[in-house]
Structures are given as structure tokens and as C-alpha cells.
Amino acid sequence: QATLFIPTAAEIRPLGRVEPAIVPAAELAVIMHPGSPAD
């Protein structure tokens, strides 16, 4: 499963494949990747 999302200030109405969602809270280790996704 893959989910692509864009944060919004309020919940949106569904349209086509686009659905409202809640991206859950999380504790994350984060690294920055510069440049092309090839690497």
C-alpha cells in the first residue's frame, strides 16, 4: 500500500480518487535527501 497526501487546513470532500485522510501522529528519525530520487 502507498498513500500520497497533501496537508489541508480542514477536511475536504471526496472527489475521484482523492479522499479526506488523517495522517497519524508519529515520532520519526529524519534524513534529508538532495537531488534526484535515483539515489
PDB file of all heavy atoms in Angstrom:
ATOM      1  N   GLN A   1       0.830  -1.206   0.000  1.00  0.00           N
ATOM      2  CA  GLN A   1       0.000   0.000   0.000  1.00  0.00           C
ATOM      3  C   GLN A   1       0.867   1.261   0.000  1.00  0.00           C
ATOM      4  O   GLN A   1       1.873   1.348   0.690  1.00  0.00           O
ATOM      5  CB  GLN A   1      -0.913   0.016   1.219  1.00  0.00           C
ATOM      6  CG  GLN A   1      -1.952   1.141   1.181  1.00  0.00           C
ATOM      7  CD  GLN A   1      -2.904   1.084   2.358  1.00  0.00           C
ATOM      8  OE1 GLN A   1      -2.621   1.626   3.429  1.00  0.00           O
ATOM      9  NE2 GLN A   1      -4.023   0.416   2.164  1.00  0.00           N
ATOM     10  N   ALA A   2       0.433   2.219  -0.798  1.00  0.00           N
ATOM     11  CA  ALA A   2       1.088   3.530  -0.842  1.00  0.00           C
ATOM     12  C   ALA A   2       0.013   4.605  -0.733  1.00  0.00           C
ATOM     13  O   ALA A   2      -1.077   4.469  -1.286  1.00  0.00           O
ATOM     14  CB  ALA A   2       1.875   3.701  -2.133  1.00  0.00           C
ATOM     15  N   THR A   3       0.339   5.665  -0.023  1.00  0.00           N
ATOM     16  CA  THR A   3      -0.563   6.813   0.109  1.00  0.00           C
ATOM     17  C   THR A   3       0.216   8.077  -0.188  1.00  0.00           C
ATOM     18  O   THR A   3       1.297   8.299   0.367  1.00  0.00           O
ATOM     19  CB  THR A   3      -1.155   6.906   1.524  1.00  0.00           C
ATOM     20  OG1 THR A   3      -1.945   5.759   1.785  1.00  0.00           O
ATOM     21  CG2 THR A   3      -2.017   8.162   1.675  1.00  0.00           C
ATOM     22  N   LEU A   4      -0.315   8.894  -1.072  1.00  0.00           N
ATOM     23  CA  LEU A   4       0.254  10.210  -1.343  1.00  0.00           C
ATOM     24  C   LEU A   4      -0.723  11.233  -0.782  1.00  0.00           C
ATOM     25  O   LEU A   4      -1.932  11.120  -1.000  1.00  0.00           O
ATOM     26  CB  LEU A   4       0.444  10.409  -2.848  1.00  0.00           C
ATOM     27  CG  LEU A   4       1.361  11.550  -3.285  1.00  0.00           C
ATOM     28  CD1 LEU A   4       2.780  11.326  -2.783  1.00  0.00           C
ATOM     29  CD2 LEU A   4       1.361  11.673  -4.797  1.00  0.00           C
ATOM     30  N   PHE A   5      -0.219  12.230  -0.061  1.00  0.00           N
ATOM     31  CA  PHE A   5      -1.108  13.176   0.600  1.00  0.00           C
ATOM     32  C   PHE A   5      -0.581  14.595   0.523  1.00  0.00           C
ATOM     33  O   PHE A   5       0.617  14.828   0.373  1.00  0.00           O
ATOM     34  CB  PHE A   5      -1.330  12.780   2.066  1.00  0.00           C
ATOM     35  CG  PHE A   5      -0.089  12.813   2.913  1.00  0.00           C
ATOM     36  CD1 PHE A   5       0.353  13.985   3.512  1.00  0.00           C
ATOM     37  CD2 PHE A   5       0.649  11.660   3.115  1.00  0.00           C
ATOM     38  CE1 PHE A   5       1.505  14.022   4.291  1.00  0.00           C
ATOM     39  CE2 PHE A   5       1.811  11.675   3.891  1.00  0.00           C
ATOM     40  CZ  PHE A   5       2.231  12.856   4.477  1.00  0.00           C
ATOM     41  N   ILE A   6      -1.518  15.547   0.627  1.00  0.00           N
ATOM     42  CA  ILE A   6      -1.185  16.963   0.762  1.00  0.00           C
ATOM     43  C   ILE A   6      -1.961  17.495   1.971  1.00  0.00           C
ATOM     44  O   ILE A   6      -3.194  17.396   2.009  1.00  0.00           O
ATOM     45  CB  ILE A   6      -1.569  17.770  -0.494  1.00  0.00           C
ATOM     46  CG1 ILE A   6      -0.764  17.287  -1.704  1.00  0.00           C
ATOM     47  CG2 ILE A   6      -1.332  19.260  -0.266  1.00  0.00           C
ATOM     48  CD1 ILE A   6      -1.113  18.007  -3.001  1.00  0.00           C
ATOM     49  N   PRO A   7      -1.269  18.026   2.985  1.00  0.00           N
ATOM     50  CA  PRO A   7      -1.960  18.550   4.166  1.00  0.00           C
ATOM     51  C   PRO A   7      -2.926  19.682   3.807  1.00  0.00           C
ATOM     52  O   PRO A   7      -2.643  20.506   2.921  1.00  0.00           O
ATOM     53  CB  PRO A   7      -0.817  19.067   5.050  1.00  0.00           C
ATOM     54  CG  PRO A   7       0.381  18.301   4.602  1.00  0.00           C
ATOM     55  CD  PRO A   7       0.199  18.102   3.128  1.00  0.00           C
ATOM     56  N   THR A   8      -4.060  19.711   4.481  1.00  0.00           N
ATOM     57  CA  THR A   8      -5.059  20.762   4.282  1.00  0.00           C
ATOM     58  C   THR A   8      -5.490  21.308   5.642  1.00  0.00           C
ATOM     59  O   THR A   8      -5.394  20.611   6.660  1.00  0.00           O
ATOM     60  CB  THR A   8      -6.292  20.227   3.534  1.00  0.00           C
ATOM     61  OG1 THR A   8      -6.832  19.108   4.260  1.00  0.00           O
ATOM     62  CG2 THR A   8      -5.932  19.781   2.126  1.00  0.00           C
ATOM     63  N   ALA A   9      -5.973  22.538   5.642  1.00  0.00           N
ATOM     64  CA  ALA A   9      -6.387  23.161   6.902  1.00  0.00           C
ATOM     65  C   ALA A   9      -7.654  22.535   7.459  1.00  0.00           C
ATOM     66  O   ALA A   9      -7.888  22.552   8.668  1.00  0.00           O
ATOM     67  CB  ALA A   9      -6.589  24.661   6.694  1.00  0.00           C
ATOM     68  N   ALA A  10      -8.502  21.990   6.591  1.00  0.00           N
ATOM     69  CA  ALA A  10      -9.755  21.370   7.022  1.00  0.00           C
ATOM     70  C   ALA A  10     -10.021  20.147   6.160  1.00  0.00           C
ATOM     71  O   ALA A  10      -9.425  19.969   5.096  1.00  0.00           O
ATOM     72  CB  ALA A  10     -10.913  22.369   6.903  1.00  0.00           C
ATOM     73  N   GLU A  11     -10.938  19.315   6.615  1.00  0.00           N
ATOM     74  CA  GLU A  11     -11.253  18.098   5.863  1.00  0.00           C
ATOM     75  C   GLU A  11     -11.921  18.453   4.538  1.00  0.00           C
ATOM     76  O   GLU A  11     -12.776  19.332   4.466  1.00  0.00           O
ATOM     77  CB  GLU A  11     -12.184  17.207   6.690  1.00  0.00           C
ATOM     78  CG  GLU A  11     -12.491  15.869   6.034  1.00  0.00           C
ATOM     79  CD  GLU A  11     -13.296  14.963   6.935  1.00  0.00           C
ATOM     80  OE1 GLU A  11     -12.881  14.761   8.095  1.00  0.00           O
ATOM     81  OE2 GLU A  11     -14.347  14.470   6.491  1.00  0.00           O
ATOM     82  N   ILE A  12     -11.526  17.772   3.477  1.00  0.00           N
ATOM     83  CA  ILE A  12     -12.089  18.023   2.147  1.00  0.00           C
ATOM     84  C   ILE A  12     -13.164  16.999   1.827  1.00  0.00           C
ATOM     85  O   ILE A  12     -13.273  15.949   2.473  1.00  0.00           O
ATOM     86  CB  ILE A  12     -10.991  17.979   1.065  1.00  0.00           C
ATOM     87  CG1 ILE A  12     -10.437  16.546   0.952  1.00  0.00           C
ATOM     88  CG2 ILE A  12      -9.880  18.959   1.357  1.00  0.00           C
ATOM     89  CD1 ILE A  12      -9.728  16.274  -0.350  1.00  0.00           C
ATOM     90  N   ARG A  13     -13.958  17.293   0.813  1.00  0.00           N
ATOM     91  CA  ARG A  13     -14.945  16.328   0.321  1.00  0.00           C
ATOM     92  C   ARG A  13     -14.281  15.403  -0.692  1.00  0.00           C
ATOM     93  O   ARG A  13     -13.416  15.832  -1.454  1.00  0.00           O
ATOM     94  CB  ARG A  13     -16.126  17.036  -0.341  1.00  0.00           C
ATOM     95  CG  ARG A  13     -16.929  17.925   0.594  1.00  0.00           C
ATOM     96  CD  ARG A  13     -18.230  18.396  -0.062  1.00  0.00           C
ATOM     97  NE  ARG A  13     -18.000  18.978  -1.369  1.00  0.00           N
ATOM     98  CZ  ARG A  13     -17.635  20.235  -1.589  1.00  0.00           C
ATOM     99  NH1 ARG A  13     -17.434  21.050  -0.555  1.00  0.00           N
ATOM    100  NH2 ARG A  13     -17.456  20.698  -2.816  1.00  0.00           N
ATOM    101  N   PRO A  14     -14.683  14.125  -0.742  1.00  0.00           N
ATOM    102  CA  PRO A  14     -14.097  13.190  -1.709  1.00  0.00           C
ATOM    103  C   PRO A  14     -14.404  13.625  -3.144  1.00  0.00           C
ATOM    104  O   PRO A  14     -15.456  14.181  -3.431  1.00  0.00           O
ATOM    105  CB  PRO A  14     -14.798  11.853  -1.391  1.00  0.00           C
ATOM    106  CG  PRO A  14     -15.354  12.021  -0.018  1.00  0.00           C
ATOM    107  CD  PRO A  14     -15.681  13.474   0.127  1.00  0.00           C
ATOM    108  N   LEU A  15     -13.470  13.356  -4.035  1.00  0.00           N
ATOM    109  CA  LEU A  15     -13.662  13.614  -5.454  1.00  0.00           C
ATOM    110  C   LEU A  15     -12.725  12.700  -6.237  1.00  0.00           C
ATOM    111  O   LEU A  15     -11.504  12.804  -6.125  1.00  0.00           O
ATOM    112  CB  LEU A  15     -13.374  15.083  -5.805  1.00  0.00           C
ATOM    113  CG  LEU A  15     -13.525  15.437  -7.294  1.00  0.00           C
ATOM    114  CD1 LEU A  15     -14.972  15.276  -7.746  1.00  0.00           C
ATOM    115  CD2 LEU A  15     -13.050  16.869  -7.556  1.00  0.00           C
ATOM    116  N   GLY A  16     -13.308  11.802  -7.048  1.00  0.00           N
ATOM    117  CA  GLY A  16     -12.492  10.857  -7.800  1.00  0.00           C
ATOM    118  C   GLY A  16     -11.697   9.971  -6.857  1.00  0.00           C
ATOM    119  O   GLY A  16     -12.238   9.402  -5.905  1.00  0.00           O
ATOM    120  N   ARG A  17     -10.391   9.887  -7.089  1.00  0.00           N
ATOM    121  CA  ARG A  17      -9.544   9.083  -6.200  1.00  0.00           C
ATOM    122  C   ARG A  17      -9.151   9.829  -4.932  1.00  0.00           C
ATOM    123  O   ARG A  17      -8.617   9.226  -3.993  1.00  0.00           O
ATOM    124  CB  ARG A  17      -8.269   8.660  -6.936  1.00  0.00           C
ATOM    125  CG  ARG A  17      -8.481   7.707  -8.097  1.00  0.00           C
ATOM    126  CD  ARG A  17      -7.130   7.165  -8.595  1.00  0.00           C
ATOM    127  NE  ARG A  17      -6.259   8.232  -9.076  1.00  0.00           N
ATOM    128  CZ  ARG A  17      -4.960   8.048  -9.346  1.00  0.00           C
ATOM    129  NH1 ARG A  17      -4.392   6.864  -9.152  1.00  0.00           N
ATOM    130  NH2 ARG A  17      -4.212   9.057  -9.801  1.00  0.00           N
ATOM    131  N   VAL A  18      -9.398  11.132  -4.910  1.00  0.00           N
ATOM    132  CA  VAL A  18      -8.966  11.951  -3.776  1.00  0.00           C
ATOM    133  C   VAL A  18      -9.954  11.811  -2.624  1.00  0.00           C
ATOM    134  O   VAL A  18     -11.159  12.013  -2.779  1.00  0.00           O
ATOM    135  CB  VAL A  18      -8.840  13.427  -4.189  1.00  0.00           C
ATOM    136  CG1 VAL A  18      -8.403  14.268  -2.981  1.00  0.00           C
ATOM    137  CG2 VAL A  18      -7.842  13.569  -5.332  1.00  0.00           C
ATOM    138  N   GLU A  19      -9.441  11.437  -1.449  1.00  0.00           N
ATOM    139  CA  GLU A  19     -10.256  11.234  -0.254  1.00  0.00           C
ATOM    140  C   GLU A  19      -9.699  12.052   0.908  1.00  0.00           C
ATOM    141  O   GLU A  19      -8.497  12.341   0.943  1.00  0.00           O
ATOM    142  CB  GLU A  19     -10.235   9.746   0.146  1.00  0.00           C
ATOM    143  CG  GLU A  19     -10.796   8.784  -0.886  1.00  0.00           C
ATOM    144  CD  GLU A  19     -12.319   8.740  -0.853  1.00  0.00           C
ATOM    145  OE1 GLU A  19     -12.894   9.282   0.111  1.00  0.00           O
ATOM    146  OE2 GLU A  19     -12.910   8.152  -1.780  1.00  0.00           O
ATOM    147  N   PRO A  20     -10.560  12.435   1.850  1.00  0.00           N
ATOM    148  CA  PRO A  20     -10.036  13.057   3.068  1.00  0.00           C
ATOM    149  C   PRO A  20      -9.284  12.012   3.886  1.00  0.00           C
ATOM    150  O   PRO A  20      -9.628  10.827   3.878  1.00  0.00           O
ATOM    151  CB  PRO A  20     -11.300  13.540   3.792  1.00  0.00           C
ATOM    152  CG  PRO A  20     -12.383  12.633   3.298  1.00  0.00           C
ATOM    153  CD  PRO A  20     -12.029  12.296   1.874  1.00  0.00           C
ATOM    154  N   ALA A  21      -8.253  12.432   4.593  1.00  0.00           N
ATOM    155  CA  ALA A  21      -7.457  11.491   5.381  1.00  0.00           C
ATOM    156  C   ALA A  21      -6.860  12.197   6.588  1.00  0.00           C
ATOM    157  O   ALA A  21      -6.739  13.428   6.600  1.00  0.00           O
ATOM    158  CB  ALA A  21      -6.341  10.880   4.527  1.00  0.00           C
ATOM    159  N   ILE A  22      -6.521  11.404   7.571  1.00  0.00           N
ATOM    160  CA  ILE A  22      -5.752  11.886   8.714  1.00  0.00           C
ATOM    161  C   ILE A  22      -4.406  11.173   8.691  1.00  0.00           C
ATOM    162  O   ILE A  22      -4.333   9.949   8.822  1.00  0.00           O
ATOM    163  CB  ILE A  22      -6.460  11.608  10.051  1.00  0.00           C
ATOM    164  CG1 ILE A  22      -7.831  12.296  10.091  1.00  0.00           C
ATOM    165  CG2 ILE A  22      -5.592  12.080  11.217  1.00  0.00           C
ATOM    166  CD1 ILE A  22      -7.776  13.805  10.072  1.00  0.00           C
ATOM    167  N   VAL A  23      -3.357  11.950   8.475  1.00  0.00           N
ATOM    168  CA  VAL A  23      -2.010  11.380   8.556  1.00  0.00           C
ATOM    169  C   VAL A  23      -1.672  11.294  10.036  1.00  0.00           C
ATOM    170  O   VAL A  23      -1.653  12.311  10.730  1.00  0.00           O
ATOM    171  CB  VAL A  23      -0.995  12.257   7.809  1.00  0.00           C
ATOM    172  CG1 VAL A  23       0.398  11.620   7.870  1.00  0.00           C
ATOM    173  CG2 VAL A  23      -1.430  12.471   6.365  1.00  0.00           C
ATOM    174  N   PRO A  24      -1.431  10.089  10.544  1.00  0.00           N
ATOM    175  CA  PRO A  24      -1.310   9.938  12.002  1.00  0.00           C
ATOM    176  C   PRO A  24      -0.074  10.619  12.575  1.00  0.00           C
ATOM    177  O   PRO A  24       0.934  10.817  11.886  1.00  0.00           O
ATOM    178  CB  PRO A  24      -1.248   8.419  12.194  1.00  0.00           C
ATOM    179  CG  PRO A  24      -0.767   7.884  10.887  1.00  0.00           C
ATOM    180  CD  PRO A  24      -1.320   8.809   9.842  1.00  0.00           C
ATOM    181  N   ALA A  25      -0.180  10.961  13.843  1.00  0.00           N
ATOM    182  CA  ALA A  25       0.983  11.495  14.558  1.00  0.00           C
ATOM    183  C   ALA A  25       2.062  10.422  14.610  1.00  0.00           C
ATOM    184  O   ALA A  25       1.784   9.222  14.578  1.00  0.00           O
ATOM    185  CB  ALA A  25       0.579  11.910  15.967  1.00  0.00           C
ATOM    186  N   ALA A  26       3.306  10.857  14.690  1.00  0.00           N
ATOM    187  CA  ALA A  26       4.407   9.890  14.712  1.00  0.00           C
ATOM    188  C   ALA A  26       5.663  10.521  15.257  1.00  0.00           C
ATOM    189  O   ALA A  26       5.850  11.739  15.196  1.00  0.00           O
ATOM    190  CB  ALA A  26       4.669   9.353  13.305  1.00  0.00           C
ATOM    191  N   GLU A  27       6.513   9.672  15.809  1.00  0.00           N
ATOM    192  CA  GLU A  27       7.869  10.046  16.170  1.00  0.00           C
ATOM    193  C   GLU A  27       8.767   9.504  15.071  1.00  0.00           C
ATOM    194  O   GLU A  27       8.710   8.313  14.732  1.00  0.00           O
ATOM    195  CB  GLU A  27       8.250   9.435  17.520  1.00  0.00           C
ATOM    196  CG  GLU A  27       9.611   9.844  18.027  1.00  0.00           C
ATOM    197  CD  GLU A  27       9.565  11.088  18.895  1.00  0.00           C
ATOM    198  OE1 GLU A  27       8.461  11.571  19.190  1.00  0.00           O
ATOM    199  OE2 GLU A  27      10.647  11.570  19.266  1.00  0.00           O
ATOM    200  N   LEU A  28       9.604  10.363  14.481  1.00  0.00           N
ATOM    201  CA  LEU A  28      10.325   9.989  13.277  1.00  0.00           C
ATOM    202  C   LEU A  28      11.804  10.306  13.377  1.00  0.00           C
ATOM    203  O   LEU A  28      12.192  11.322  13.957  1.00  0.00           O
ATOM    204  CB  LEU A  28       9.745  10.747  12.069  1.00  0.00           C
ATOM    205  CG  LEU A  28       8.247  10.578  11.791  1.00  0.00           C
ATOM    206  CD1 LEU A  28       7.795  11.614  10.766  1.00  0.00           C
ATOM    207  CD2 LEU A  28       7.934   9.172  11.302  1.00  0.00           C
ATOM    208  N   ALA A  29      12.607   9.425  12.815  1.00  0.00           N
ATOM    209  CA  ALA A  29      14.000   9.749  12.516  1.00  0.00           C
ATOM    210  C   ALA A  29      14.023  10.233  11.076  1.00  0.00           C
ATOM    211  O   ALA A  29      13.468   9.596  10.187  1.00  0.00           O
ATOM    212  CB  ALA A  29      14.887   8.527  12.686  1.00  0.00           C
ATOM    213  N   VAL A  30      14.670  11.379  10.841  1.00  0.00           N
ATOM    214  CA  VAL A  30      14.540  12.069   9.553  1.00  0.00           C
ATOM    215  C   VAL A  30      15.912  12.323   8.949  1.00  0.00           C
ATOM    216  O   VAL A  30      16.844  12.770   9.629  1.00  0.00           O
ATOM    217  CB  VAL A  30      13.807  13.423   9.734  1.00  0.00           C
ATOM    218  CG1 VAL A  30      13.631  14.122   8.385  1.00  0.00           C
ATOM    219  CG2 VAL A  30      12.461  13.214  10.421  1.00  0.00           C
ATOM    220  N   ILE A  31      16.014  12.043   7.644  1.00  0.00           N
ATOM    221  CA  ILE A  31      17.214  12.374   6.892  1.00  0.00           C
ATOM    222  C   ILE A  31      16.804  13.115   5.627  1.00  0.00           C
ATOM    223  O   ILE A  31      15.753  12.814   5.050  1.00  0.00           O
ATOM    224  CB  ILE A  31      18.036  11.104   6.560  1.00  0.00           C
ATOM    225  CG1 ILE A  31      19.441  11.477   6.062  1.00  0.00           C
ATOM    226  CG2 ILE A  31      17.322  10.220   5.559  1.00  0.00           C
ATOM    227  CD1 ILE A  31      20.380  10.276   5.962  1.00  0.00           C
ATOM    228  N   MET A  32      17.594  14.080   5.222  1.00  0.00           N
ATOM    229  CA  MET A  32      17.300  14.866   4.024  1.00  0.00           C
ATOM    230  C   MET A  32      18.067  14.290   2.837  1.00  0.00           C
ATOM    231  O   MET A  32      19.279  14.062   2.918  1.00  0.00           O
ATOM    232  CB  MET A  32      17.705  16.322   4.227  1.00  0.00           C
ATOM    233  CG  MET A  32      17.527  17.191   2.982  1.00  0.00           C
ATOM    234  SD  MET A  32      15.795  17.545   2.628  1.00  0.00           S
ATOM    235  CE  MET A  32      15.476  18.742   3.936  1.00  0.00           C
ATOM    236  N   HIS A  33      17.339  14.059   1.734  1.00  0.00           N
ATOM    237  CA  HIS A  33      17.979  13.607   0.506  1.00  0.00           C
ATOM    238  C   HIS A  33      17.925  14.731  -0.520  1.00  0.00           C
ATOM    239  O   HIS A  33      16.841  15.131  -0.947  1.00  0.00           O
ATOM    240  CB  HIS A  33      17.286  12.370  -0.056  1.00  0.00           C
ATOM    241  CG  HIS A  33      17.773  12.012  -1.435  1.00  0.00           C
ATOM    242  ND1 HIS A  33      19.010  11.458  -1.670  1.00  0.00           N
ATOM    243  CD2 HIS A  33      17.194  12.148  -2.658  1.00  0.00           C
ATOM    244  CE1 HIS A  33      19.172  11.268  -2.955  1.00  0.00           C
ATOM    245  NE2 HIS A  33      18.091  11.680  -3.588  1.00  0.00           N
ATOM    246  N   PRO A  34      19.088  15.231  -0.960  1.00  0.00           N
ATOM    247  CA  PRO A  34      19.088  16.249  -2.005  1.00  0.00           C
ATOM    248  C   PRO A  34      19.158  15.619  -3.388  1.00  0.00           C
ATOM    249  O   PRO A  34      19.835  14.607  -3.594  1.00  0.00           O
ATOM    250  CB  PRO A  34      20.377  17.035  -1.709  1.00  0.00           C
ATOM    251  CG  PRO A  34      21.298  16.008  -1.122  1.00  0.00           C
ATOM    252  CD  PRO A  34      20.430  15.016  -0.396  1.00  0.00           C
ATOM    253  N   GLY A  35      18.454  16.224  -4.336  1.00  0.00           N
ATOM    254  CA  GLY A  35      18.600  15.802  -5.721  1.00  0.00           C
ATOM    255  C   GLY A  35      17.618  14.749  -6.170  1.00  0.00           C
ATOM    256  O   GLY A  35      16.559  14.528  -5.576  1.00  0.00           O
ATOM    257  N   SER A  36      17.982  14.075  -7.256  1.00  0.00           N
ATOM    258  CA  SER A  36      17.121  13.116  -7.942  1.00  0.00           C
ATOM    259  C   SER A  36      16.774  11.928  -7.046  1.00  0.00           C
ATOM    260  O   SER A  36      17.600  11.486  -6.236  1.00  0.00           O
ATOM    261  CB  SER A  36      17.825  12.611  -9.202  1.00  0.00           C
ATOM    262  OG  SER A  36      17.195  11.451  -9.704  1.00  0.00           O
ATOM    263  N   PRO A  37      15.577  11.358  -7.214  1.00  0.00           N
ATOM    264  CA  PRO A  37      15.223  10.155  -6.463  1.00  0.00           C
ATOM    265  C   PRO A  37      16.007   8.929  -6.887  1.00  0.00           C
ATOM    266  O   PRO A  37      15.894   7.875  -6.257  1.00  0.00           O
ATOM    267  CB  PRO A  37      13.721   9.992  -6.755  1.00  0.00           C
ATOM    268  CG  PRO A  37      13.462  10.751  -8.002  1.00  0.00           C
ATOM    269  CD  PRO A  37      14.433  11.886  -7.993  1.00  0.00           C
ATOM    270  N   ALA A  38      16.817   9.034  -7.941  1.00  0.00           N
ATOM    271  CA  ALA A  38      17.602   7.888  -8.397  1.00  0.00           C
ATOM    272  C   ALA A  38      18.534   7.375  -7.301  1.00  0.00           C
ATOM    273  O   ALA A  38      18.834   6.180  -7.236  1.00  0.00           O
ATOM    274  CB  ALA A  38      18.398   8.257  -9.638  1.00  0.00           C
ATOM    275  N   ASP A  39      19.017   8.282  -6.432  1.00  0.00           N
ATOM    276  CA  ASP A  39      19.931   7.892  -5.354  1.00  0.00           C
ATOM    277  C   ASP A  39      19.235   7.822  -3.996  1.00  0.00           C
ATOM    278  O   ASP A  39      19.894   7.815  -2.958  1.00  0.00           O
ATOM    279  CB  ASP A  39      21.080   8.901  -5.256  1.00  0.00           C
ATOM    280  CG  ASP A  39      22.020   8.808  -6.442  1.00  0.00           C
ATOM    281  OD1 ASP A  39      22.153   7.699  -6.990  1.00  0.00           O
ATOM    282  OD2 ASP A  39      22.605   9.827  -6.816  1.00  0.00           O
TER     283      ASP A  39
END
